């Protein structure tokens, strides 16, 4: 088991829970950067541990038994690109680049005469 990956995934689950349930911060600025749609692959429901509400049929299709009433932190997944670590492109969402996180261009080298 990759404990670094599990730690990152648990940190994401905790962050979404705290943001959704305790802080009640407006997620819209983060969600505005999210593009795509849920493929209902169930990958997010298996992060770190399998959700008890996830049902998988004989063909391997996943669905949430409480999708219409699912928890806020589930609705917020993924909130950031980092939330998708370990999903190997299963998730149908992607994110626009964050201009605040863009690399700062290198300064030109000083001329030494």
C-alpha atoms as a PDB file:
ATOM      1  CA  UNK A   1       0.000   0.000   0.000  1.00  0.00           C
ATOM      2  CA  UNK A   2       1.292   3.471  -0.926  1.00  0.00           C
ATOM      3  CA  UNK A   3       0.942   5.360   2.362  1.00  0.00           C
ATOM      4  CA  UNK A   4       1.934   8.677   0.770  1.00  0.00           C
ATOM      5  CA  UNK A   5      -0.979   8.377  -1.654  1.00  0.00           C
ATOM      6  CA  UNK A   6      -3.374   7.324   1.110  1.00  0.00           C
ATOM      7  CA  UNK A   7      -2.244  10.290   3.222  1.00  0.00           C
ATOM      8  CA  UNK A   8      -2.840  12.722   0.325  1.00  0.00           C
ATOM      9  CA  UNK A   9      -6.267  11.224  -0.354  1.00  0.00           C
ATOM     10  CA  UNK A  10      -7.293  11.362   3.302  1.00  0.00           C
ATOM     11  CA  UNK A  11      -6.136  14.976   3.494  1.00  0.00           C
ATOM     12  CA  UNK A  12      -8.394  15.782   0.529  1.00  0.00           C
ATOM     13  CA  UNK A  13     -11.372  13.976   2.071  1.00  0.00           C
ATOM     14  CA  UNK A  14     -10.837  15.829   5.344  1.00  0.00           C
ATOM     15  CA  UNK A  15     -10.450  19.190   3.587  1.00  0.00           C
ATOM     16  CA  UNK A  16     -13.699  18.719   1.655  1.00  0.00           C
ATOM     17  CA  UNK A  17     -15.547  17.613   4.798  1.00  0.00           C
ATOM     18  CA  UNK A  18     -14.308  20.585   6.837  1.00  0.00           C
ATOM     19  CA  UNK A  19     -15.039  23.038   4.046  1.00  0.00           C
ATOM     20  CA  UNK A  20     -18.530  21.640   3.410  1.00  0.00           C
ATOM     21  CA  UNK A  21     -19.677  20.833   6.926  1.00  0.00           C
ATOM     22  CA  UNK A  22     -17.842  23.090   9.343  1.00  0.00           C
ATOM     23  CA  UNK A  23     -16.592  26.211   7.597  1.00  0.00           C
ATOM     24  CA  UNK A  24     -19.456  26.506   5.135  1.00  0.00           C
ATOM     25  CA  UNK A  25     -17.191  28.481   2.798  1.00  0.00           C
ATOM     26  CA  UNK A  26     -18.456  29.286  -0.662  1.00  0.00           C
ATOM     27  CA  UNK A  27     -16.925  26.673  -2.993  1.00  0.00           C
ATOM     28  CA  UNK A  28     -17.985  28.481  -6.185  1.00  0.00           C
ATOM     29  CA  UNK A  29     -14.601  30.145  -6.904  1.00  0.00           C
ATOM     30  CA  UNK A  30     -12.952  26.718  -6.852  1.00  0.00           C
ATOM     31  CA  UNK A  31     -15.779  24.960  -8.685  1.00  0.00           C
ATOM     32  CA  UNK A  32     -15.705  27.619 -11.421  1.00  0.00           C
ATOM     33  CA  UNK A  33     -12.316  26.204 -12.453  1.00  0.00           C
ATOM     34  CA  UNK A  34     -13.723  22.666 -12.708  1.00  0.00           C
ATOM     35  CA  UNK A  35     -14.750  21.437 -16.162  1.00  0.00           C
ATOM     36  CA  UNK A  36     -16.365  18.231 -17.354  1.00  0.00           C
ATOM     37  CA  UNK A  37     -18.902  16.001 -15.721  1.00  0.00           C
ATOM     38  CA  UNK A  38     -19.164  13.013 -13.455  1.00  0.00           C
ATOM     39  CA  UNK A  39     -18.692   9.723 -15.318  1.00  0.00           C
ATOM     40  CA  UNK A  40     -20.158   7.814 -12.380  1.00  0.00           C
ATOM     41  CA  UNK A  41     -17.090   5.585 -12.383  1.00  0.00           C
ATOM     42  CA  UNK A  42     -17.068   5.363  -8.579  1.00  0.00           C
ATOM     43  CA  UNK A  43     -13.339   6.112  -8.343  1.00  0.00           C
ATOM     44  CA  UNK A  44     -13.918   9.008  -5.942  1.00  0.00           C
ATOM     45  CA  UNK A  45     -16.008   6.727  -3.728  1.00  0.00           C
ATOM     46  CA  UNK A  46     -13.050   4.385  -3.317  1.00  0.00           C
ATOM     47  CA  UNK A  47     -10.464   6.952  -2.231  1.00  0.00           C
ATOM     48  CA  UNK A  48      -8.675   5.633   0.865  1.00  0.00           C
ATOM     49  CA  UNK A  49     -11.689   3.415   1.644  1.00  0.00           C
ATOM     50  CA  UNK A  50     -14.815   2.258  -0.147  1.00  0.00           C
ATOM     51  CA  UNK A  51     -17.962   4.278   0.552  1.00  0.00           C
ATOM     52  CA  UNK A  52     -20.760   2.182   2.043  1.00  0.00           C
ATOM     53  CA  UNK A  53     -23.258   3.795  -0.353  1.00  0.00           C
ATOM     54  CA  UNK A  54     -21.385   2.766  -3.512  1.00  0.00           C
ATOM     55  CA  UNK A  55     -23.032  -0.053  -5.437  1.00  0.00           C
ATOM     56  CA  UNK A  56     -21.349  -1.888  -8.308  1.00  0.00           C
ATOM     57  CA  UNK A  57     -23.397  -4.018 -10.687  1.00  0.00           C
ATOM     58  CA  UNK A  58     -22.308  -7.214 -12.465  1.00  0.00           C
ATOM     59  CA  UNK A  59     -21.004  -5.255 -15.470  1.00  0.00           C
ATOM     60  CA  UNK A  60     -18.748  -3.180 -13.207  1.00  0.00           C
ATOM     61  CA  UNK A  61     -20.800   0.016 -13.426  1.00  0.00           C
ATOM     62  CA  UNK A  62     -20.842   2.030 -10.212  1.00  0.00           C
ATOM     63  CA  UNK A  63     -23.608   4.101  -8.739  1.00  0.00           C
ATOM     64  CA  UNK A  64     -24.332   5.851  -5.489  1.00  0.00           C
ATOM     65  CA  UNK A  65     -27.344   4.523  -3.636  1.00  0.00           C
ATOM     66  CA  UNK A  66     -28.054   7.993  -2.223  1.00  0.00           C
ATOM     67  CA  UNK A  67     -26.916  10.110  -5.219  1.00  0.00           C
ATOM     68  CA  UNK A  68     -29.788  12.613  -4.976  1.00  0.00           C
ATOM     69  CA  UNK A  69     -29.190  12.998  -1.247  1.00  0.00           C
ATOM     70  CA  UNK A  70     -25.407  12.553  -1.192  1.00  0.00           C
ATOM     71  CA  UNK A  71     -23.269  14.469   1.252  1.00  0.00           C
ATOM     72  CA  UNK A  72     -21.964  17.934   0.393  1.00  0.00           C
ATOM     73  CA  UNK A  73     -18.341  16.786   0.407  1.00  0.00           C
ATOM     74  CA  UNK A  74     -19.294  14.218  -2.241  1.00  0.00           C
ATOM     75  CA  UNK A  75     -20.944  16.919  -4.348  1.00  0.00           C
ATOM     76  CA  UNK A  76     -17.748  18.968  -4.099  1.00  0.00           C
ATOM     77  CA  UNK A  77     -15.509  16.233  -5.463  1.00  0.00           C
ATOM     78  CA  UNK A  78     -13.139  17.134  -6.972  1.00  0.00           C
ATOM     79  CA  UNK A  79     -12.660  20.559  -5.473  1.00  0.00           C
ATOM     80  CA  UNK A  80      -9.086  20.888  -6.659  1.00  0.00           C
ATOM     81  CA  UNK A  81      -6.939  19.057  -9.180  1.00  0.00           C
ATOM     82  CA  UNK A  82      -4.970  17.552  -6.273  1.00  0.00           C
ATOM     83  CA  UNK A  83      -8.139  15.683  -5.245  1.00  0.00           C
ATOM     84  CA  UNK A  84      -7.733  13.446  -8.288  1.00  0.00           C
ATOM     85  CA  UNK A  85      -4.346  12.037  -7.231  1.00  0.00           C
ATOM     86  CA  UNK A  86      -4.356   8.291  -7.778  1.00  0.00           C
ATOM     87  CA  UNK A  87      -7.464   8.131  -9.957  1.00  0.00           C
ATOM     88  CA  UNK A  88      -5.488   7.460 -13.149  1.00  0.00           C
ATOM     89  CA  UNK A  89      -7.687   9.605 -15.404  1.00  0.00           C
ATOM     90  CA  UNK A  90     -10.908   7.855 -14.420  1.00  0.00           C
ATOM     91  CA  UNK A  91     -12.578  11.072 -13.304  1.00  0.00           C
ATOM     92  CA  UNK A  92     -14.400  13.100 -15.965  1.00  0.00           C
ATOM     93  CA  UNK A  93     -13.437  16.429 -14.419  1.00  0.00           C
ATOM     94  CA  UNK A  94     -10.457  18.600 -15.258  1.00  0.00           C
ATOM     95  CA  UNK A  95      -9.312  21.995 -14.048  1.00  0.00           C
ATOM     96  CA  UNK A  96      -8.341  25.256 -15.683  1.00  0.00           C
ATOM     97  CA  UNK A  97      -4.874  26.448 -14.791  1.00  0.00           C
ATOM     98  CA  UNK A  98      -4.727  28.562 -11.655  1.00  0.00           C
ATOM     99  CA  UNK A  99      -3.091  31.885 -12.555  1.00  0.00           C
ATOM    100  CA  UNK A 100      -2.139  32.409  -8.910  1.00  0.00           C
ATOM    101  CA  UNK A 101      -0.096  29.196  -9.014  1.00  0.00           C
ATOM    102  CA  UNK A 102       1.557  29.906 -12.344  1.00  0.00           C
ATOM    103  CA  UNK A 103       5.314  29.819 -12.260  1.00  0.00           C
ATOM    104  CA  UNK A 104       7.032  33.137 -11.732  1.00  0.00           C
ATOM    105  CA  UNK A 105       9.238  33.813 -14.743  1.00  0.00           C
ATOM    106  CA  UNK A 106      12.951  33.706 -14.040  1.00  0.00           C
ATOM    107  CA  UNK A 107      14.740  37.009 -13.801  1.00  0.00           C
ATOM    108  CA  UNK A 108      17.331  37.678 -16.495  1.00  0.00           C
ATOM    109  CA  UNK A 109      20.912  36.973 -15.532  1.00  0.00           C
ATOM    110  CA  UNK A 110      22.818  40.133 -14.620  1.00  0.00           C
ATOM    111  CA  UNK A 111      25.447  41.229 -17.081  1.00  0.00           C
ATOM    112  CA  UNK A 112      28.910  40.758 -15.638  1.00  0.00           C
ATOM    113  CA  UNK A 113      31.512  42.936 -17.291  1.00  0.00           C
END
